[in-house]
């Protein structure tokens, strides 16, 4: 799911979630092929991947499906931090709103 979120495939993310994928799964370097570039960027969940690429609709979807907005990647960064570092204000705004008000549906 992390790859689908990284490249912005919202339909694929939704399909994987519907089939029971773990919304907070982090790629395991021992079991998955993870490029050197992605290891250096920090291994994280689908939420981290979507936030770091600015896919705010996927960020919203993952939060609605229960993603942990406080989960840290392998470098100790939250999805919000990755959105800010990537200069993605809409993704950062969605995450900030969720942090302040809780899940998006409760605002």
Foldseek 3Di string as FASTA:
>chain_A
DLVCLLVQVLVVVVVCVVVPDDLWDWDDVVPDPDDPVDVVVFIGGSLLNNLLNQNQVSNLVSLLSPYDQCDATRVGDGSLVSNVVSVRVSNNVQSVCCVVQNRPVRD
